[in-house]
Amino acid sequence: MGPMQQNIITKLQTAFNCHHLEVENEGDKHSAGAAAEMHFKVTLVSTEFEGKMKVARHRAIYSVLSEELAGQVHALALYTYTPAEWEQQGVSPETPDCANKH
């Protein structure tokens, strides 16, 4: 696990009451590669998402990770759930490879 991935995990754990959190470095699906730590998939389950639409959930994460998104992190695939939604879903979708991957 790289330092940016660990930083994202720490920030999200601090900001949210996480019932479940996965932060995956998906750089291998993009041309920059995993070592660049630029593309991440975040699956976050929290009671704080109850009653909030997807856009509000994503904005909350973007706010917490604003420094990272202004710098090194190029893209986040966000999957946000309440505990009840996660109980039904159980897994986040696979992120497709980037069309520009060489």
N, C-alpha and C. Protein backbone atom coordinates (compact mmCIF):
# COMPACT_ATOMS: atom_id res chain seq x y z
N MET A 1 0.85 -1.18 0.00
CA MET A 1 0.00 0.00 0.00
C MET A 1 0.89 1.23 0.00
N GLY A 2 0.58 2.14 -0.92
CA GLY A 2 1.36 3.36 -1.04
C GLY A 2 0.92 4.44 -0.06
N PRO A 3 1.73 5.49 0.06
CA PRO A 3 1.42 6.56 1.01
C PRO A 3 0.13 7.32 0.69
N MET A 4 -0.18 7.53 -0.58
CA MET A 4 -1.42 8.25 -0.91
C MET A 4 -2.63 7.40 -0.56
N GLN A 5 -2.58 6.13 -0.85
CA GLN A 5 -3.69 5.24 -0.50
C GLN A 5 -3.91 5.23 1.01
N GLN A 6 -2.84 5.15 1.78
CA GLN A 6 -2.96 5.17 3.24
C GLN A 6 -3.51 6.51 3.72
N ASN A 7 -3.08 7.59 3.11
CA ASN A 7 -3.56 8.92 3.46
C ASN A 7 -5.07 9.03 3.23
N ILE A 8 -5.54 8.52 2.11
CA ILE A 8 -6.98 8.56 1.79
C ILE A 8 -7.76 7.74 2.82
N ILE A 9 -7.26 6.57 3.15
CA ILE A 9 -7.93 5.73 4.16
C ILE A 9 -8.02 6.46 5.49
N THR A 10 -6.92 7.03 5.93
CA THR A 10 -6.88 7.73 7.22
C THR A 10 -7.86 8.90 7.24
N LYS A 11 -7.87 9.70 6.18
CA LYS A 11 -8.77 10.86 6.13
C LYS A 11 -10.24 10.44 6.14
N LEU A 12 -10.57 9.42 5.38
CA LEU A 12 -11.97 8.98 5.33
C LEU A 12 -12.40 8.34 6.65
N GLN A 13 -11.52 7.57 7.28
CA GLN A 13 -11.85 6.98 8.58
C GLN A 13 -12.05 8.06 9.64
N THR A 14 -11.31 9.13 9.55
CA THR A 14 -11.42 10.23 10.50
C THR A 14 -12.70 11.03 10.27
N ALA A 15 -13.06 11.23 9.00
CA ALA A 15 -14.19 12.10 8.66
C ALA A 15 -15.55 11.43 8.75
N PHE A 16 -15.59 10.11 8.55
CA PHE A 16 -16.87 9.40 8.49
C PHE A 16 -16.93 8.28 9.52
N ASN A 17 -18.13 7.99 9.95
CA ASN A 17 -18.38 6.82 10.80
C ASN A 17 -18.49 5.63 9.84
N CYS A 18 -17.35 5.03 9.52
CA CYS A 18 -17.30 3.99 8.49
C CYS A 18 -17.72 2.63 9.04
N HIS A 19 -18.74 2.07 8.44
CA HIS A 19 -19.12 0.69 8.74
C HIS A 19 -18.30 -0.26 7.87
N HIS A 20 -17.90 0.25 6.71
CA HIS A 20 -17.08 -0.51 5.77
C HIS A 20 -16.35 0.50 4.90
N LEU A 21 -15.06 0.28 4.69
CA LEU A 21 -14.26 1.16 3.83
C LEU A 21 -13.25 0.34 3.06
N GLU A 22 -13.26 0.53 1.77
CA GLU A 22 -12.25 -0.06 0.89
C GLU A 22 -11.70 1.07 0.02
N VAL A 23 -10.39 1.17 -0.04
CA VAL A 23 -9.74 2.12 -0.94
C VAL A 23 -8.77 1.30 -1.78
N GLU A 24 -9.06 1.22 -3.07
CA GLU A 24 -8.25 0.40 -3.97
C GLU A 24 -7.50 1.30 -4.95
N ASN A 25 -6.21 1.07 -5.09
CA ASN A 25 -5.41 1.76 -6.09
C ASN A 25 -5.70 1.10 -7.43
N GLU A 26 -6.34 1.84 -8.33
CA GLU A 26 -6.70 1.29 -9.63
C GLU A 26 -5.81 1.80 -10.74
N GLY A 27 -4.62 2.23 -10.38
CA GLY A 27 -3.69 2.74 -11.39
C GLY A 27 -3.35 1.73 -12.46
N ASP A 28 -3.42 0.44 -12.13
CA ASP A 28 -3.11 -0.60 -13.11
C ASP A 28 -4.13 -0.65 -14.24
N LYS A 29 -5.27 0.01 -14.05
CA LYS A 29 -6.31 0.06 -15.10
C LYS A 29 -6.13 1.30 -15.98
N HIS A 30 -5.07 2.06 -15.74
CA HIS A 30 -4.83 3.32 -16.45
C HIS A 30 -3.38 3.36 -16.91
N SER A 31 -3.10 4.24 -17.84
CA SER A 31 -1.78 4.29 -18.45
C SER A 31 -0.67 4.69 -17.48
N ALA A 32 -0.97 5.44 -16.43
CA ALA A 32 0.07 5.89 -15.49
C ALA A 32 0.61 4.76 -14.63
N GLY A 33 -0.17 3.72 -14.41
CA GLY A 33 0.26 2.59 -13.60
C GLY A 33 -0.02 2.80 -12.12
N ALA A 34 0.01 1.71 -11.37
CA ALA A 34 -0.33 1.73 -9.94
C ALA A 34 0.64 2.56 -9.12
N ALA A 35 1.90 2.60 -9.49
CA ALA A 35 2.90 3.33 -8.70
C ALA A 35 2.61 4.83 -8.64
N ALA A 36 1.91 5.35 -9.63
CA ALA A 36 1.61 6.78 -9.67
C ALA A 36 0.59 7.19 -8.62
N GLU A 37 -0.19 6.24 -8.13
CA GLU A 37 -1.23 6.50 -7.12
C GLU A 37 -2.12 7.70 -7.51
N MET A 38 -2.68 7.62 -8.71
CA MET A 38 -3.51 8.70 -9.23
C MET A 38 -4.99 8.34 -9.35
N HIS A 39 -5.30 7.06 -9.43
CA HIS A 39 -6.67 6.59 -9.64
C HIS A 39 -7.06 5.63 -8.53
N PHE A 40 -8.16 5.93 -7.86
CA PHE A 40 -8.60 5.10 -6.75
C PHE A 40 -10.08 4.77 -6.85
N LYS A 41 -10.42 3.63 -6.32
CA LYS A 41 -11.82 3.22 -6.15
C LYS A 41 -12.09 3.23 -4.65
N VAL A 42 -13.12 3.97 -4.26
CA VAL A 42 -13.49 4.08 -2.85
C VAL A 42 -14.89 3.51 -2.66
N THR A 43 -15.00 2.54 -1.77
CA THR A 43 -16.30 2.01 -1.35
C THR A 43 -16.44 2.39 0.12
N LEU A 44 -17.44 3.20 0.41
CA LEU A 44 -17.62 3.71 1.77
C LEU A 44 -19.06 3.48 2.21
N VAL A 45 -19.22 2.82 3.34
CA VAL A 45 -20.54 2.54 3.92
C VAL A 45 -20.61 3.30 5.24
N SER A 46 -21.62 4.16 5.37
CA SER A 46 -21.74 4.97 6.58
C SER A 46 -23.21 5.34 6.84
N THR A 47 -23.54 5.41 8.11
CA THR A 47 -24.88 5.88 8.48
C THR A 47 -25.05 7.35 8.12
N GLU A 48 -23.97 8.07 7.95
CA GLU A 48 -24.02 9.48 7.59
C GLU A 48 -24.61 9.71 6.20
N PHE A 49 -24.72 8.65 5.40
CA PHE A 49 -25.29 8.77 4.06
C PHE A 49 -26.80 8.57 4.04
N GLU A 50 -27.38 8.21 5.17
CA GLU A 50 -28.82 7.99 5.22
C GLU A 50 -29.56 9.28 4.90
N GLY A 51 -30.51 9.19 3.98
CA GLY A 51 -31.30 10.35 3.58
C GLY A 51 -30.60 11.28 2.61
N LYS A 52 -29.38 10.94 2.17
CA LYS A 52 -28.64 11.80 1.25
C LYS A 52 -28.59 11.15 -0.14
N MET A 53 -28.77 11.99 -1.14
CA MET A 53 -28.66 11.51 -2.52
C MET A 53 -27.18 11.26 -2.85
N LYS A 54 -26.96 10.52 -3.92
CA LYS A 54 -25.60 10.15 -4.32
C LYS A 54 -24.69 11.37 -4.48
N VAL A 55 -25.19 12.43 -5.09
CA VAL A 55 -24.36 13.62 -5.32
C VAL A 55 -23.91 14.24 -4.00
N ALA A 56 -24.76 14.27 -2.99
CA ALA A 56 -24.38 14.81 -1.68
C ALA A 56 -23.33 13.93 -1.01
N ARG A 57 -23.46 12.63 -1.16
CA ARG A 57 -22.48 11.70 -0.60
C ARG A 57 -21.12 11.92 -1.24
N HIS A 58 -21.12 12.06 -2.56
CA HIS A 58 -19.86 12.25 -3.28
C HIS A 58 -19.24 13.59 -2.93
N ARG A 59 -20.05 14.62 -2.82
CA ARG A 59 -19.52 15.94 -2.44
C ARG A 59 -18.85 15.90 -1.06
N ALA A 60 -19.43 15.13 -0.16
CA ALA A 60 -18.84 15.01 1.18
C ALA A 60 -17.45 14.39 1.10
N ILE A 61 -17.30 13.39 0.27
CA ILE A 61 -15.98 12.75 0.10
C ILE A 61 -15.02 13.70 -0.61
N TYR A 62 -15.49 14.37 -1.66
CA TYR A 62 -14.63 15.32 -2.37
C TYR A 62 -14.13 16.42 -1.43
N SER A 63 -14.98 16.85 -0.51
CA SER A 63 -14.59 17.88 0.45
C SER A 63 -13.46 17.39 1.35
N VAL A 64 -13.57 16.17 1.83
CA VAL A 64 -12.55 15.59 2.71
C VAL A 64 -11.23 15.40 1.96
N LEU A 65 -11.32 15.06 0.68
CA LEU A 65 -10.12 14.76 -0.11
C LEU A 65 -9.76 15.90 -1.07
N SER A 66 -10.15 17.11 -0.76
CA SER A 66 -9.94 18.24 -1.67
C SER A 66 -8.46 18.48 -1.98
N GLU A 67 -7.59 18.35 -1.00
CA GLU A 67 -6.16 18.56 -1.24
C GLU A 67 -5.60 17.51 -2.19
N GLU A 68 -6.00 16.28 -1.99
CA GLU A 68 -5.51 15.18 -2.83
C GLU A 68 -6.01 15.34 -4.27
N LEU A 69 -7.27 15.77 -4.42
CA LEU A 69 -7.85 15.95 -5.75
C LEU A 69 -7.27 17.17 -6.46
N ALA A 70 -6.77 18.14 -5.71
CA ALA A 70 -6.14 19.31 -6.31
C ALA A 70 -4.69 19.01 -6.70
N GLY A 71 -4.19 17.87 -6.26
CA GLY A 71 -2.80 17.52 -6.53
C GLY A 71 -2.67 16.21 -7.27
N GLN A 72 -2.16 15.22 -6.58
CA GLN A 72 -1.76 13.95 -7.18
C GLN A 72 -2.91 13.09 -7.69
N VAL A 73 -4.04 13.08 -6.99
CA VAL A 73 -5.13 12.17 -7.35
C VAL A 73 -5.91 12.74 -8.54
N HIS A 74 -5.97 11.95 -9.58
CA HIS A 74 -6.61 12.37 -10.84
C HIS A 74 -8.07 11.93 -10.89
N ALA A 75 -8.38 10.76 -10.30
CA ALA A 75 -9.74 10.24 -10.42
C ALA A 75 -10.12 9.36 -9.24
N LEU A 76 -11.39 9.45 -8.85
CA LEU A 76 -11.96 8.59 -7.83
C LEU A 76 -13.22 7.94 -8.39
N ALA A 77 -13.29 6.64 -8.27
CA ALA A 77 -14.54 5.93 -8.54
C ALA A 77 -15.19 5.75 -7.18
N LEU A 78 -16.32 6.39 -6.95
CA LEU A 78 -16.96 6.39 -5.64
C LEU A 78 -18.20 5.52 -5.61
N TYR A 79 -18.25 4.67 -4.60
CA TYR A 79 -19.41 3.82 -4.35
C TYR A 79 -19.79 4.02 -2.89
N THR A 80 -20.91 4.68 -2.67
CA THR A 80 -21.31 5.08 -1.32
C THR A 80 -22.64 4.43 -0.97
N TYR A 81 -22.70 3.90 0.24
CA TYR A 81 -23.89 3.15 0.67
C TYR A 81 -24.20 3.43 2.14
N THR A 82 -25.46 3.32 2.48
CA THR A 82 -25.85 3.24 3.88
C THR A 82 -25.65 1.77 4.28
N PRO A 83 -25.63 1.47 5.58
CA PRO A 83 -25.50 0.06 5.98
C PRO A 83 -26.59 -0.83 5.39
N ALA A 84 -27.83 -0.35 5.31
CA ALA A 84 -28.92 -1.15 4.75
C ALA A 84 -28.71 -1.40 3.26
N GLU A 85 -28.25 -0.38 2.53
CA GLU A 85 -27.97 -0.55 1.10
C GLU A 85 -26.83 -1.54 0.89
N TRP A 86 -25.82 -1.44 1.73
CA TRP A 86 -24.67 -2.35 1.61
C TRP A 86 -25.07 -3.79 1.91
N GLU A 87 -25.97 -3.95 2.86
CA GLU A 87 -26.45 -5.29 3.19
C GLU A 87 -27.10 -5.93 1.97
N GLN A 88 -27.81 -5.14 1.18
CA GLN A 88 -28.44 -5.66 -0.04
C GLN A 88 -27.42 -5.80 -1.18
N GLN A 89 -26.53 -4.83 -1.32
CA GLN A 89 -25.57 -4.80 -2.42
C GLN A 89 -24.41 -5.76 -2.15
N GLY A 90 -23.74 -5.59 -1.02
CA GLY A 90 -22.68 -6.49 -0.60
C GLY A 90 -21.35 -6.37 -1.30
N VAL A 91 -21.32 -5.73 -2.46
CA VAL A 91 -20.08 -5.58 -3.21
C VAL A 91 -20.23 -4.38 -4.14
N SER A 92 -19.14 -3.66 -4.34
CA SER A 92 -19.20 -2.54 -5.29
C SER A 92 -18.86 -3.04 -6.69
N PRO A 93 -19.37 -2.37 -7.69
CA PRO A 93 -19.12 -2.80 -9.08
C PRO A 93 -17.64 -2.72 -9.44
N GLU A 94 -17.24 -3.51 -10.43
CA GLU A 94 -15.88 -3.44 -10.95
C GLU A 94 -15.75 -2.17 -11.79
N THR A 95 -14.62 -1.51 -11.68
CA THR A 95 -14.35 -0.35 -12.50
C THR A 95 -13.73 -0.84 -13.82
N PRO A 96 -14.25 -0.40 -14.95
CA PRO A 96 -13.68 -0.85 -16.23
C PRO A 96 -12.30 -0.25 -16.46
N ASP A 97 -11.49 -0.92 -17.28
CA ASP A 97 -10.20 -0.37 -17.67
C ASP A 97 -10.42 0.93 -18.43
N CYS A 98 -9.47 1.82 -18.32
CA CYS A 98 -9.51 3.09 -19.03
C CYS A 98 -9.37 2.83 -20.53
N ALA A 99 -10.13 3.52 -21.34
CA ALA A 99 -10.08 3.35 -22.79
C ALA A 99 -8.73 3.75 -23.36
N ASN A 100 -8.01 4.62 -22.66
CA ASN A 100 -6.72 5.10 -23.14
C ASN A 100 -5.54 4.32 -22.57
N LYS A 101 -5.80 3.21 -21.93
CA LYS A 101 -4.70 2.41 -21.36
C LYS A 101 -3.90 1.79 -22.49
N HIS A 102 -2.59 1.90 -22.39
CA HIS A 102 -1.72 1.33 -23.42
C HIS A 102 -0.88 0.23 -22.85
